[in-house]
Amino acid sequence: QVQLVESGGGLVQPGGSLRLSCVISGHSFSGYTIAWFRRAPGKEREFVAALRSSGGYTYYTDTVKGRFTISRDIAKNTGYLQMNTLKPEDTAVYYCATGVPILSSIRTPQGYRSWGQGTQVTVSS
């Protein structure tokens, strides 16, 4: 059974940093794409970033480019989202997900089969 467990969320001041972790059990990274999505209060779940196993290609939504970095540690079967220069509009519940999306679906929730429970990130002074 595949299980994803996120951690690392919390309260941070604007301009601060957080690193989210996603520990994966039940499958390895081989052949899977890992992604991060977020859901802000009153909004739909939105794509944040993805990392393809094949080729290591990364994808980001425009609002986080240059501030967030997605990565993975294959030995630990763990994915990460390093978030720098955080803004109040980054406040959301962040979810990690894994799957084998086709390229056109890599930014959509429908492209992913397994999801974590989410971790809250609050950016506020």
C-alpha atoms as a PDB file:
ATOM      1  CA  GLN A   1       0.000   0.000   0.000  1.00  0.00           C
ATOM      2  CA  VAL A   2       1.366   3.396  -0.997  1.00  0.00           C
ATOM      3  CA  GLN A   3       1.581   5.997   1.755  1.00  0.00           C
ATOM      4  CA  LEU A   4       2.825   9.580   1.590  1.00  0.00           C
ATOM      5  CA  VAL A   5       3.467  11.550   4.764  1.00  0.00           C
ATOM      6  CA  GLU A   6       4.241  15.263   4.638  1.00  0.00           C
ATOM      7  CA  SER A   7       5.949  17.293   7.324  1.00  0.00           C
ATOM      8  CA  GLY A   8       7.713  20.602   7.750  1.00  0.00           C
ATOM      9  CA  GLY A   9       4.832  23.024   7.639  1.00  0.00           C
ATOM     10  CA  GLY A  10       4.333  25.782  10.168  1.00  0.00           C
ATOM     11  CA  LEU A  11       4.066  29.487  10.795  1.00  0.00           C
ATOM     12  CA  VAL A  12       6.714  31.713   9.227  1.00  0.00           C
ATOM     13  CA  GLN A  13       7.092  35.438   8.709  1.00  0.00           C
ATOM     14  CA  PRO A  14       7.023  36.938   5.224  1.00  0.00           C
ATOM     15  CA  GLY A  15      10.430  36.550   3.622  1.00  0.00           C
ATOM     16  CA  GLY A  16      11.175  33.422   5.617  1.00  0.00           C
ATOM     17  CA  SER A  17      11.828  29.861   4.495  1.00  0.00           C
ATOM     18  CA  LEU A  18      10.468  26.388   5.104  1.00  0.00           C
ATOM     19  CA  ARG A  19      11.346  22.970   3.773  1.00  0.00           C
ATOM     20  CA  LEU A  20       8.560  20.472   3.333  1.00  0.00           C
ATOM     21  CA  SER A  21       9.292  16.753   3.289  1.00  0.00           C
ATOM     22  CA  CYS A  22       7.280  13.885   1.837  1.00  0.00           C
ATOM     23  CA  VAL A  23       8.248  10.389   2.936  1.00  0.00           C
ATOM     24  CA  ILE A  24       7.013   7.754   0.507  1.00  0.00           C
ATOM     25  CA  SER A  25       6.395   4.116   1.341  1.00  0.00           C
ATOM     26  CA  GLY A  26       5.006   1.426  -0.896  1.00  0.00           C
ATOM     27  CA  HIS A  27       6.905   2.371  -4.027  1.00  0.00           C
ATOM     28  CA  SER A  28      10.226   3.859  -5.028  1.00  0.00           C
ATOM     29  CA  PHE A  29      10.840   6.967  -7.116  1.00  0.00           C
ATOM     30  CA  SER A  30      11.749   4.888 -10.128  1.00  0.00           C
ATOM     31  CA  GLY A  31       9.285   5.682 -12.893  1.00  0.00           C
ATOM     32  CA  TYR A  32       7.191   8.022 -10.737  1.00  0.00           C
ATOM     33  CA  THR A  33       6.711  11.748 -10.795  1.00  0.00           C
ATOM     34  CA  ILE A  34       6.466  13.545  -7.467  1.00  0.00           C
ATOM     35  CA  ALA A  35       4.516  16.770  -7.226  1.00  0.00           C
ATOM     36  CA  TRP A  36       3.382  19.349  -4.715  1.00  0.00           C
ATOM     37  CA  PHE A  37      -0.023  20.971  -4.772  1.00  0.00           C
ATOM     38  CA  ARG A  38      -1.587  23.456  -2.397  1.00  0.00           C
ATOM     39  CA  ARG A  39      -5.037  24.571  -1.383  1.00  0.00           C
ATOM     40  CA  ALA A  40      -5.582  28.008   0.073  1.00  0.00           C
ATOM     41  CA  PRO A  41      -8.737  28.806   2.069  1.00  0.00           C
ATOM     42  CA  GLY A  42     -11.694  29.191  -0.250  1.00  0.00           C
ATOM     43  CA  LYS A  43      -9.695  28.251  -3.335  1.00  0.00           C
ATOM     44  CA  GLU A  44      -9.251  25.240  -5.531  1.00  0.00           C
ATOM     45  CA  ARG A  45      -6.252  22.952  -5.184  1.00  0.00           C
ATOM     46  CA  GLU A  46      -3.475  24.272  -7.397  1.00  0.00           C
ATOM     47  CA  PHE A  47      -0.268  22.890  -8.825  1.00  0.00           C
ATOM     48  CA  VAL A  48       2.981  24.101  -7.280  1.00  0.00           C
ATOM     49  CA  ALA A  49       5.838  21.967  -8.591  1.00  0.00           C
ATOM     50  CA  ALA A  50       6.685  18.560 -10.052  1.00  0.00           C
ATOM     51  CA  LEU A  51       9.805  16.460 -10.573  1.00  0.00           C
ATOM     52  CA  ARG A  52       9.832  13.715 -13.167  1.00  0.00           C
ATOM     53  CA  SER A  53      11.770  10.566 -12.400  1.00  0.00           C
ATOM     54  CA  SER A  54      12.741  10.239 -16.049  1.00  0.00           C
ATOM     55  CA  GLY A  55      15.332  12.863 -16.841  1.00  0.00           C
ATOM     56  CA  GLY A  56      14.850  14.745 -13.605  1.00  0.00           C
ATOM     57  CA  TYR A  57      12.855  17.494 -15.302  1.00  0.00           C
ATOM     58  CA  THR A  58      11.215  20.026 -13.003  1.00  0.00           C
ATOM     59  CA  TYR A  59       8.096  22.106 -13.462  1.00  0.00           C
ATOM     60  CA  TYR A  60       6.860  25.072 -11.431  1.00  0.00           C
ATOM     61  CA  THR A  61       3.871  27.315 -11.397  1.00  0.00           C
ATOM     62  CA  ASP A  62       4.855  30.847 -12.328  1.00  0.00           C
ATOM     63  CA  THR A  63       4.128  32.319  -8.908  1.00  0.00           C
ATOM     64  CA  VAL A  64       6.813  30.222  -7.198  1.00  0.00           C
ATOM     65  CA  LYS A  65       9.530  30.151  -9.853  1.00  0.00           C
ATOM     66  CA  GLY A  66      12.818  31.332  -8.440  1.00  0.00           C
ATOM     67  CA  ARG A  67      11.579  30.934  -4.846  1.00  0.00           C
ATOM     68  CA  PHE A  68      10.669  27.241  -4.513  1.00  0.00           C
ATOM     69  CA  THR A  69      12.785  24.204  -5.378  1.00  0.00           C
ATOM     70  CA  ILE A  70      11.545  20.635  -5.676  1.00  0.00           C
ATOM     71  CA  SER A  71      13.991  17.810  -5.082  1.00  0.00           C
ATOM     72  CA  ARG A  72      14.231  14.221  -3.925  1.00  0.00           C
ATOM     73  CA  ASP A  73      16.540  11.917  -2.009  1.00  0.00           C
ATOM     74  CA  ILE A  74      16.289   8.537  -3.693  1.00  0.00           C
ATOM     75  CA  ALA A  75      18.082   6.713  -0.881  1.00  0.00           C
ATOM     76  CA  LYS A  76      15.595   8.062   1.659  1.00  0.00           C
ATOM     77  CA  ASN A  77      12.605   7.751  -0.696  1.00  0.00           C
ATOM     78  CA  THR A  78      11.729  11.297   0.297  1.00  0.00           C
ATOM     79  CA  GLY A  79      10.710  14.311  -1.708  1.00  0.00           C
ATOM     80  CA  TYR A  80      11.255  17.907  -0.677  1.00  0.00           C
ATOM     81  CA  LEU A  81       9.933  21.364  -1.400  1.00  0.00           C
ATOM     82  CA  GLN A  82      12.287  24.129  -0.353  1.00  0.00           C
ATOM     83  CA  MET A  83      10.343  27.352  -0.057  1.00  0.00           C
ATOM     84  CA  ASN A  84      12.202  30.643   0.193  1.00  0.00           C
ATOM     85  CA  THR A  85      11.099  34.270   0.274  1.00  0.00           C
ATOM     86  CA  LEU A  86       7.671  33.191   1.414  1.00  0.00           C
ATOM     87  CA  LYS A  87       4.734  35.516   0.922  1.00  0.00           C
ATOM     88  CA  PRO A  88       1.351  35.685   2.677  1.00  0.00           C
ATOM     89  CA  GLU A  89      -0.263  34.411  -0.526  1.00  0.00           C
ATOM     90  CA  ASP A  90       1.709  31.180  -0.141  1.00  0.00           C
ATOM     91  CA  THR A  91      -0.447  30.341   2.878  1.00  0.00           C
ATOM     92  CA  ALA A  92      -2.163  27.027   2.174  1.00  0.00           C
ATOM     93  CA  VAL A  93      -2.281  23.351   2.961  1.00  0.00           C
ATOM     94  CA  TYR A  94       0.460  21.698   0.923  1.00  0.00           C
ATOM     95  CA  TYR A  95       0.063  18.184  -0.420  1.00  0.00           C
ATOM     96  CA  CYS A  96       2.571  15.874  -2.026  1.00  0.00           C
ATOM     97  CA  ALA A  97       1.471  13.397  -4.662  1.00  0.00           C
ATOM     98  CA  THR A  98       3.004  10.683  -6.806  1.00  0.00           C
ATOM     99  CA  GLY A  99       1.933   9.157 -10.066  1.00  0.00           C
ATOM    100  CA  VAL A 100       2.775   8.589 -13.685  1.00  0.00           C
ATOM    101  CA  PRO A 101       1.143  11.529 -15.432  1.00  0.00           C
ATOM    102  CA  ILE A 102       1.495  12.134 -19.130  1.00  0.00           C
ATOM    103  CA  LEU A 103       3.164  15.443 -19.886  1.00  0.00           C
ATOM    104  CA  SER A 104      -0.109  17.256 -20.529  1.00  0.00           C
ATOM    105  CA  SER A 105      -1.405  16.170 -17.095  1.00  0.00           C
ATOM    106  CA  ILE A 106       1.660  16.853 -15.018  1.00  0.00           C
ATOM    107  CA  ARG A 107       0.147  20.058 -13.601  1.00  0.00           C
ATOM    108  CA  THR A 108      -3.265  18.566 -12.857  1.00  0.00           C
ATOM    109  CA  PRO A 109      -4.416  16.610  -9.768  1.00  0.00           C
ATOM    110  CA  GLN A 110      -5.895  13.984 -12.062  1.00  0.00           C
ATOM    111  CA  GLY A 111      -2.386  12.983 -13.115  1.00  0.00           C
ATOM    112  CA  TYR A 112      -1.556  11.600  -9.669  1.00  0.00           C
ATOM    113  CA  ARG A 113      -2.707   8.471  -7.922  1.00  0.00           C
ATOM    114  CA  SER A 114      -1.353   8.751  -4.395  1.00  0.00           C
ATOM    115  CA  TRP A 115      -1.649  11.702  -2.024  1.00  0.00           C
ATOM    116  CA  GLY A 116      -0.460  12.713   1.405  1.00  0.00           C
ATOM    117  CA  GLN A 117      -2.648  14.149   4.132  1.00  0.00           C
ATOM    118  CA  GLY A 118      -1.280  17.671   3.793  1.00  0.00           C
ATOM    119  CA  THR A 119       0.723  20.047   5.940  1.00  0.00           C
ATOM    120  CA  GLN A 120      -0.294  23.600   6.811  1.00  0.00           C
ATOM    121  CA  VAL A 121       1.929  26.503   5.818  1.00  0.00           C
ATOM    122  CA  THR A 122       1.025  29.911   7.206  1.00  0.00           C
ATOM    123  CA  VAL A 123       2.938  33.021   6.197  1.00  0.00           C
ATOM    124  CA  SER A 124       2.097  35.920   8.464  1.00  0.00           C
ATOM    125  CA  SER A 125       3.715  38.619  10.544  1.00  0.00           C
END
